[in-house]
């Protein structure tokens, strides 16, 4: 079940290169494509995001 929508923002549980704050930009099957504030795109699973 997808809890997040495209355009939502969230925090990663574990920082990647010092970045935790991300914006969800698209779905990739069961994973999410997110963008950090630096513009770096990551493909993650939804459980890698902090719970609200």
N, C-alpha and C. Protein backbone atom coordinates (compact mmCIF):
# COMPACT_ATOMS: atom_id res chain seq x y z
N UNK A 1 0.85 -1.18 0.00
CA UNK A 1 0.00 0.00 0.00
C UNK A 1 0.89 1.24 0.00
N UNK A 2 0.63 2.14 -0.90
CA UNK A 2 1.44 3.34 -1.00
C UNK A 2 0.86 4.43 -0.11
N UNK A 3 1.69 4.92 0.80
CA UNK A 3 1.25 5.95 1.73
C UNK A 3 1.62 7.34 1.24
N UNK A 4 2.55 7.42 0.33
CA UNK A 4 3.05 8.71 -0.13
C UNK A 4 2.61 9.00 -1.56
N UNK A 5 2.42 10.27 -1.84
CA UNK A 5 2.00 10.70 -3.16
C UNK A 5 3.12 11.50 -3.82
N UNK A 6 3.10 11.55 -5.13
CA UNK A 6 4.07 12.36 -5.86
C UNK A 6 3.91 13.81 -5.41
N UNK A 7 5.05 14.44 -5.12
CA UNK A 7 5.05 15.82 -4.63
C UNK A 7 5.15 15.92 -3.12
N UNK A 8 4.89 14.81 -2.41
CA UNK A 8 5.04 14.82 -0.96
C UNK A 8 6.52 14.96 -0.60
N UNK A 9 6.77 15.47 0.59
CA UNK A 9 8.13 15.52 1.11
C UNK A 9 8.22 14.62 2.33
N UNK A 10 9.43 14.15 2.60
CA UNK A 10 9.64 13.23 3.72
C UNK A 10 11.11 13.26 4.13
N UNK A 11 11.41 12.52 5.18
CA UNK A 11 12.79 12.39 5.65
C UNK A 11 13.22 10.93 5.54
N UNK A 12 14.44 10.71 5.06
CA UNK A 12 15.02 9.38 5.03
C UNK A 12 15.39 8.96 6.45
N UNK A 13 15.24 7.68 6.75
CA UNK A 13 15.67 7.17 8.06
C UNK A 13 17.18 7.28 8.19
N UNK A 14 17.90 6.98 7.12
CA UNK A 14 19.37 7.05 7.12
C UNK A 14 19.80 8.08 6.08
N UNK A 15 20.60 9.06 6.46
CA UNK A 15 21.05 10.06 5.48
C UNK A 15 21.87 9.45 4.35
N UNK A 16 21.77 10.03 3.17
CA UNK A 16 22.58 9.65 2.02
C UNK A 16 23.41 10.88 1.66
N UNK A 17 24.73 10.75 1.80
CA UNK A 17 25.65 11.87 1.54
C UNK A 17 25.24 13.12 2.32
N UNK A 18 24.74 12.90 3.53
CA UNK A 18 24.37 13.99 4.41
C UNK A 18 22.96 14.53 4.21
N UNK A 19 22.23 14.01 3.25
CA UNK A 19 20.88 14.51 2.96
C UNK A 19 19.83 13.55 3.50
N UNK A 20 18.79 14.12 4.14
CA UNK A 20 17.67 13.33 4.64
C UNK A 20 16.34 13.80 4.08
N UNK A 21 16.21 15.09 3.79
CA UNK A 21 14.95 15.66 3.33
C UNK A 21 14.81 15.40 1.83
N UNK A 22 13.71 14.78 1.42
CA UNK A 22 13.51 14.42 0.02
C UNK A 22 12.10 14.76 -0.44
N UNK A 23 11.95 14.89 -1.75
CA UNK A 23 10.65 15.05 -2.38
C UNK A 23 10.40 13.82 -3.25
N UNK A 24 9.22 13.26 -3.16
CA UNK A 24 8.87 12.09 -3.97
C UNK A 24 8.50 12.60 -5.37
N UNK A 25 9.20 12.07 -6.39
CA UNK A 25 8.95 12.58 -7.74
C UNK A 25 8.29 11.55 -8.66
N UNK A 26 8.40 10.26 -8.36
CA UNK A 26 7.67 9.27 -9.17
C UNK A 26 7.76 7.89 -8.52
N UNK A 27 6.96 6.97 -9.04
CA UNK A 27 6.99 5.58 -8.61
C UNK A 27 7.79 4.76 -9.59
N UNK A 28 8.48 3.75 -9.09
CA UNK A 28 9.23 2.81 -9.92
C UNK A 28 8.89 1.41 -9.41
N UNK A 29 7.73 0.92 -9.80
CA UNK A 29 7.25 -0.36 -9.27
C UNK A 29 6.99 -0.22 -7.79
N UNK A 30 7.56 -1.10 -6.96
CA UNK A 30 7.34 -1.01 -5.52
C UNK A 30 8.23 0.04 -4.84
N UNK A 31 9.05 0.71 -5.63
CA UNK A 31 9.97 1.68 -5.05
C UNK A 31 9.54 3.11 -5.41
N UNK A 32 10.18 4.06 -4.75
CA UNK A 32 9.92 5.47 -4.99
C UNK A 32 11.18 6.12 -5.54
N UNK A 33 11.00 7.05 -6.46
CA UNK A 33 12.11 7.88 -6.91
C UNK A 33 11.97 9.19 -6.15
N UNK A 34 13.03 9.56 -5.43
CA UNK A 34 12.99 10.79 -4.64
C UNK A 34 14.16 11.68 -5.03
N UNK A 35 14.01 12.98 -4.73
CA UNK A 35 15.06 13.94 -5.04
C UNK A 35 15.43 14.67 -3.76
N UNK A 36 16.73 14.77 -3.48
CA UNK A 36 17.20 15.51 -2.32
C UNK A 36 17.22 16.99 -2.63
N UNK A 37 17.48 17.81 -1.64
CA UNK A 37 17.54 19.26 -1.84
C UNK A 37 18.70 19.65 -2.75
N UNK A 38 19.69 18.78 -2.92
CA UNK A 38 20.81 19.06 -3.82
C UNK A 38 20.49 18.68 -5.27
N UNK A 39 19.33 18.03 -5.48
CA UNK A 39 18.96 17.60 -6.82
C UNK A 39 19.32 16.16 -7.13
N UNK A 40 19.98 15.46 -6.19
CA UNK A 40 20.35 14.06 -6.40
C UNK A 40 19.10 13.19 -6.34
N UNK A 41 18.93 12.31 -7.31
CA UNK A 41 17.79 11.40 -7.33
C UNK A 41 18.20 10.04 -6.79
N UNK A 42 17.32 9.47 -5.98
CA UNK A 42 17.55 8.15 -5.36
C UNK A 42 16.33 7.29 -5.62
N UNK A 43 16.54 5.99 -5.69
CA UNK A 43 15.44 5.04 -5.78
C UNK A 43 15.45 4.26 -4.47
N UNK A 44 14.36 4.35 -3.74
CA UNK A 44 14.28 3.76 -2.40
C UNK A 44 12.98 2.99 -2.22
N UNK A 45 12.93 2.18 -1.18
CA UNK A 45 11.69 1.55 -0.78
C UNK A 45 11.00 2.44 0.24
N UNK A 46 9.69 2.40 0.28
CA UNK A 46 8.91 3.28 1.15
C UNK A 46 9.29 3.12 2.62
N UNK A 47 9.72 1.92 3.03
CA UNK A 47 10.08 1.72 4.43
C UNK A 47 11.41 2.39 4.82
N UNK A 48 12.09 3.01 3.84
CA UNK A 48 13.31 3.75 4.13
C UNK A 48 13.00 5.18 4.54
N UNK A 49 11.71 5.55 4.52
CA UNK A 49 11.30 6.89 4.94
C UNK A 49 10.83 6.84 6.38
N UNK A 50 11.04 7.93 7.11
CA UNK A 50 10.56 8.01 8.49
C UNK A 50 9.04 8.01 8.50
N UNK A 51 8.49 7.41 9.54
CA UNK A 51 7.03 7.44 9.73
C UNK A 51 6.64 8.84 10.18
N UNK A 52 5.45 9.26 9.77
CA UNK A 52 4.97 10.60 10.15
C UNK A 52 4.70 10.69 11.62
